[in-house]
Amino acid sequence: MRTLLIILCLGSLTFALESRSWTDKQGRKIVATLLNADTQSVVLKLADGREIPFPIAKLSPEDTKYIEENRKNIAPPGTKPTPVSYTHLRAHE
């Protein structure tokens, strides 16, 4: 059971911290990590650490679909993914 919990937590962390290419409707691309989303916008974290709010309506159809398909895994607005370390999990055994 403990191993399953660790795998699930690390899997969620991987999703939350996954950088990917984002494209707007004009074809411009950036590589960023999705931090959170609501029904109107997303917050993307760039490699230099800047966090950029961006309207979902201006994203490509593919990126909009990605957000909708993964909405349950996206942090709600006002929150950030919390990195989970193996040491932290072991402390709660």
N, C-alpha and C. Protein backbone atom coordinates (compact mmCIF):
# COMPACT_ATOMS: atom_id res chain seq x y z
N MET A 1 0.83 -1.20 0.00
CA MET A 1 0.00 0.00 0.00
C MET A 1 0.87 1.26 0.00
N ARG A 2 1.90 1.23 0.81
CA ARG A 2 2.79 2.37 0.91
C ARG A 2 3.46 2.65 -0.44
N THR A 3 3.86 1.59 -1.13
CA THR A 3 4.50 1.75 -2.44
C THR A 3 3.52 2.37 -3.43
N LEU A 4 2.27 1.94 -3.40
CA LEU A 4 1.25 2.50 -4.29
C LEU A 4 1.07 3.99 -4.02
N LEU A 5 1.05 4.39 -2.76
CA LEU A 5 0.92 5.81 -2.41
C LEU A 5 2.09 6.62 -2.96
N ILE A 6 3.28 6.09 -2.84
CA ILE A 6 4.46 6.78 -3.34
C ILE A 6 4.39 6.92 -4.85
N ILE A 7 4.00 5.86 -5.54
CA ILE A 7 3.89 5.91 -7.00
C ILE A 7 2.85 6.92 -7.43
N LEU A 8 1.69 6.94 -6.76
CA LEU A 8 0.65 7.90 -7.10
C LEU A 8 1.10 9.33 -6.87
N CYS A 9 1.77 9.58 -5.76
CA CYS A 9 2.25 10.94 -5.48
C CYS A 9 3.30 11.38 -6.48
N LEU A 10 4.22 10.51 -6.80
CA LEU A 10 5.25 10.86 -7.77
C LEU A 10 4.67 11.04 -9.16
N GLY A 11 3.65 10.25 -9.50
CA GLY A 11 2.98 10.41 -10.79
C GLY A 11 2.28 11.75 -10.88
N SER A 12 1.64 12.18 -9.82
CA SER A 12 0.99 13.50 -9.80
C SER A 12 2.02 14.60 -9.90
N LEU A 13 3.15 14.44 -9.24
CA LEU A 13 4.21 15.43 -9.30
C LEU A 13 4.75 15.54 -10.72
N THR A 14 4.92 14.40 -11.38
CA THR A 14 5.41 14.40 -12.75
C THR A 14 4.47 15.18 -13.64
N PHE A 15 3.17 14.97 -13.51
CA PHE A 15 2.22 15.71 -14.33
C PHE A 15 2.32 17.21 -14.05
N ALA A 16 2.33 17.54 -12.77
CA ALA A 16 2.31 18.95 -12.40
C ALA A 16 3.56 19.69 -12.85
N LEU A 17 4.68 19.00 -12.94
CA LEU A 17 5.92 19.67 -13.25
C LEU A 17 6.38 19.42 -14.69
N GLU A 18 5.53 18.86 -15.52
CA GLU A 18 5.89 18.52 -16.89
C GLU A 18 5.89 19.75 -17.78
N SER A 19 7.03 20.07 -18.36
CA SER A 19 7.10 21.15 -19.33
C SER A 19 6.63 20.61 -20.67
N ARG A 20 5.95 21.46 -21.42
CA ARG A 20 5.51 21.07 -22.75
C ARG A 20 5.45 22.31 -23.62
N SER A 21 5.30 22.08 -24.88
CA SER A 21 5.19 23.17 -25.84
C SER A 21 3.72 23.62 -25.89
N TRP A 22 3.51 24.92 -25.76
CA TRP A 22 2.18 25.52 -25.83
C TRP A 22 2.13 26.41 -27.07
N THR A 23 1.00 26.39 -27.76
CA THR A 23 0.85 27.16 -28.99
C THR A 23 -0.40 28.02 -28.88
N ASP A 24 -0.28 29.29 -29.27
CA ASP A 24 -1.49 30.12 -29.29
C ASP A 24 -2.15 30.03 -30.66
N LYS A 25 -3.29 30.67 -30.81
CA LYS A 25 -4.05 30.58 -32.06
C LYS A 25 -3.32 31.23 -33.24
N GLN A 26 -2.31 32.04 -32.96
CA GLN A 26 -1.53 32.66 -34.03
C GLN A 26 -0.31 31.82 -34.40
N GLY A 27 -0.14 30.67 -33.75
CA GLY A 27 0.96 29.77 -34.08
C GLY A 27 2.24 30.03 -33.31
N ARG A 28 2.23 30.99 -32.39
CA ARG A 28 3.43 31.26 -31.58
C ARG A 28 3.55 30.17 -30.51
N LYS A 29 4.79 29.74 -30.26
CA LYS A 29 5.03 28.64 -29.31
C LYS A 29 5.93 29.08 -28.16
N ILE A 30 5.67 28.49 -27.00
CA ILE A 30 6.54 28.62 -25.84
C ILE A 30 6.62 27.26 -25.16
N VAL A 31 7.68 27.04 -24.41
CA VAL A 31 7.78 25.84 -23.58
C VAL A 31 7.57 26.30 -22.15
N ALA A 32 6.60 25.67 -21.48
CA ALA A 32 6.25 26.10 -20.13
C ALA A 32 5.59 24.95 -19.38
N THR A 33 5.50 25.13 -18.08
CA THR A 33 4.84 24.18 -17.19
C THR A 33 3.49 24.75 -16.79
N LEU A 34 2.46 23.95 -16.86
CA LEU A 34 1.13 24.36 -16.43
C LEU A 34 1.04 24.31 -14.92
N LEU A 35 0.82 25.45 -14.29
CA LEU A 35 0.72 25.50 -12.83
C LEU A 35 -0.72 25.34 -12.36
N ASN A 36 -1.64 26.11 -12.96
CA ASN A 36 -3.06 25.98 -12.58
C ASN A 36 -3.93 26.54 -13.68
N ALA A 37 -5.23 26.28 -13.53
CA ALA A 37 -6.18 26.73 -14.54
C ALA A 37 -7.55 26.89 -13.91
N ASP A 38 -8.30 27.84 -14.46
CA ASP A 38 -9.71 27.94 -14.12
C ASP A 38 -10.47 27.86 -15.45
N THR A 39 -11.69 28.28 -15.50
CA THR A 39 -12.46 28.17 -16.73
C THR A 39 -12.06 29.20 -17.78
N GLN A 40 -11.36 30.25 -17.38
CA GLN A 40 -11.01 31.34 -18.29
C GLN A 40 -9.54 31.39 -18.69
N SER A 41 -8.64 31.00 -17.77
CA SER A 41 -7.22 31.17 -18.04
C SER A 41 -6.37 30.09 -17.39
N VAL A 42 -5.12 30.04 -17.82
CA VAL A 42 -4.12 29.15 -17.23
C VAL A 42 -2.97 30.00 -16.72
N VAL A 43 -2.18 29.44 -15.84
CA VAL A 43 -0.93 30.07 -15.42
C VAL A 43 0.18 29.13 -15.86
N LEU A 44 1.06 29.66 -16.72
CA LEU A 44 2.18 28.88 -17.24
C LEU A 44 3.48 29.40 -16.64
N LYS A 45 4.34 28.47 -16.24
CA LYS A 45 5.64 28.85 -15.68
C LYS A 45 6.71 28.61 -16.73
N LEU A 46 7.40 29.69 -17.08
CA LEU A 46 8.47 29.62 -18.07
C LEU A 46 9.76 29.10 -17.44
N ALA A 47 10.71 28.69 -18.27
CA ALA A 47 11.98 28.15 -17.78
C ALA A 47 12.74 29.13 -16.91
N ASP A 48 12.54 30.44 -17.15
CA ASP A 48 13.25 31.45 -16.35
C ASP A 48 12.55 31.75 -15.02
N GLY A 49 11.45 31.01 -14.74
CA GLY A 49 10.76 31.16 -13.47
C GLY A 49 9.56 32.09 -13.49
N ARG A 50 9.41 32.88 -14.56
CA ARG A 50 8.25 33.78 -14.64
C ARG A 50 6.97 32.98 -14.77
N GLU A 51 5.93 33.44 -14.08
CA GLU A 51 4.61 32.82 -14.15
C GLU A 51 3.70 33.74 -14.96
N ILE A 52 3.17 33.21 -16.06
CA ILE A 52 2.42 34.01 -17.00
C ILE A 52 0.97 33.55 -17.06
N PRO A 53 0.01 34.42 -16.70
CA PRO A 53 -1.39 34.07 -16.92
C PRO A 53 -1.70 34.20 -18.41
N PHE A 54 -2.50 33.28 -18.94
CA PHE A 54 -2.81 33.30 -20.37
C PHE A 54 -4.25 32.85 -20.57
N PRO A 55 -5.03 33.59 -21.36
CA PRO A 55 -6.44 33.21 -21.59
C PRO A 55 -6.54 31.89 -22.38
N ILE A 56 -7.36 30.99 -21.90
CA ILE A 56 -7.56 29.72 -22.60
C ILE A 56 -8.10 29.96 -24.00
N ALA A 57 -8.93 30.97 -24.16
CA ALA A 57 -9.53 31.28 -25.47
C ALA A 57 -8.49 31.61 -26.53
N LYS A 58 -7.28 31.99 -26.13
CA LYS A 58 -6.23 32.33 -27.09
C LYS A 58 -5.29 31.16 -27.38
N LEU A 59 -5.48 30.04 -26.70
CA LEU A 59 -4.65 28.86 -26.94
C LEU A 59 -5.15 28.09 -28.16
N SER A 60 -4.26 27.29 -28.73
CA SER A 60 -4.62 26.45 -29.87
C SER A 60 -5.69 25.45 -29.44
N PRO A 61 -6.46 24.94 -30.40
CA PRO A 61 -7.46 23.91 -30.07
C PRO A 61 -6.84 22.69 -29.40
N GLU A 62 -5.63 22.32 -29.81
CA GLU A 62 -4.96 21.16 -29.21
C GLU A 62 -4.64 21.39 -27.74
N ASP A 63 -4.17 22.60 -27.42
CA ASP A 63 -3.85 22.91 -26.03
C ASP A 63 -5.11 23.05 -25.19
N THR A 64 -6.14 23.60 -25.76
CA THR A 64 -7.43 23.69 -25.05
C THR A 64 -7.95 22.29 -24.74
N LYS A 65 -7.83 21.40 -25.70
CA LYS A 65 -8.26 20.00 -25.48
C LYS A 65 -7.41 19.35 -24.39
N TYR A 66 -6.10 19.60 -24.40
CA TYR A 66 -5.20 19.06 -23.38
C TYR A 66 -5.64 19.49 -21.98
N ILE A 67 -5.98 20.77 -21.84
CA ILE A 67 -6.43 21.28 -20.55
C ILE A 67 -7.72 20.60 -20.12
N GLU A 68 -8.67 20.49 -21.03
CA GLU A 68 -9.96 19.86 -20.69
C GLU A 68 -9.79 18.39 -20.31
N GLU A 69 -8.95 17.68 -21.05
CA GLU A 69 -8.74 16.26 -20.77
C GLU A 69 -8.00 16.02 -19.45
N ASN A 70 -7.23 17.01 -19.01
CA ASN A 70 -6.42 16.85 -17.80
C ASN A 70 -6.86 17.74 -16.65
N ARG A 71 -8.04 18.31 -16.76
CA ARG A 71 -8.50 19.27 -15.75
C ARG A 71 -8.47 18.71 -14.34
N LYS A 72 -8.78 17.44 -14.17
CA LYS A 72 -8.79 16.86 -12.81
C LYS A 72 -7.41 16.81 -12.18
N ASN A 73 -6.36 16.89 -13.00
CA ASN A 73 -4.99 16.85 -12.49
C ASN A 73 -4.37 18.22 -12.31
N ILE A 74 -5.10 19.27 -12.67
CA ILE A 74 -4.56 20.62 -12.64
C ILE A 74 -4.89 21.27 -11.30
N ALA A 75 -3.90 21.93 -10.72
CA ALA A 75 -4.12 22.63 -9.45
C ALA A 75 -5.16 23.74 -9.65
N PRO A 76 -6.05 23.94 -8.68
CA PRO A 76 -7.01 25.04 -8.78
C PRO A 76 -6.32 26.39 -8.69
N PRO A 77 -6.97 27.44 -9.17
CA PRO A 77 -6.38 28.79 -9.10
C PRO A 77 -6.00 29.16 -7.67
N GLY A 78 -4.92 29.90 -7.55
CA GLY A 78 -4.46 30.34 -6.23
C GLY A 78 -3.59 29.33 -5.52
N THR A 79 -3.34 28.19 -6.16
CA THR A 79 -2.48 27.18 -5.55
C THR A 79 -1.37 26.83 -6.52
N LYS A 80 -0.33 26.24 -5.99
CA LYS A 80 0.78 25.76 -6.81
C LYS A 80 1.01 24.31 -6.46
N PRO A 81 1.49 23.52 -7.43
CA PRO A 81 1.81 22.14 -7.10
C PRO A 81 2.86 22.10 -6.00
N THR A 82 2.68 21.20 -5.06
CA THR A 82 3.62 21.06 -3.97
C THR A 82 4.52 19.87 -4.24
N PRO A 83 5.82 20.09 -4.41
CA PRO A 83 6.71 18.96 -4.63
C PRO A 83 6.64 17.99 -3.45
N VAL A 84 6.62 16.72 -3.76
CA VAL A 84 6.56 15.68 -2.73
C VAL A 84 7.87 14.92 -2.79
N SER A 85 8.54 14.85 -1.67
CA SER A 85 9.80 14.12 -1.65
C SER A 85 9.60 12.77 -0.98
N TYR A 86 10.43 11.83 -1.33
CA TYR A 86 10.38 10.51 -0.72
C TYR A 86 10.62 10.62 0.78
N THR A 87 11.52 11.49 1.20
CA THR A 87 11.81 11.69 2.61
C THR A 87 10.56 12.15 3.35
N HIS A 88 9.81 13.08 2.74
CA HIS A 88 8.58 13.58 3.35
C HIS A 88 7.58 12.44 3.52
N LEU A 89 7.45 11.58 2.51
CA LEU A 89 6.50 10.48 2.60
C LEU A 89 6.94 9.47 3.66
N ARG A 90 8.21 9.20 3.77
CA ARG A 90 8.70 8.25 4.76
C ARG A 90 8.43 8.74 6.18
N ALA A 91 8.43 10.05 6.37
CA ALA A 91 8.18 10.61 7.70
C ALA A 91 6.77 10.32 8.18
N HIS A 92 5.85 10.02 7.26
CA HIS A 92 4.46 9.77 7.62
C HIS A 92 4.10 8.30 7.67
N GLU A 93 5.11 7.42 7.65
CA GLU A 93 4.83 5.98 7.72
C GLU A 93 4.37 5.57 9.10
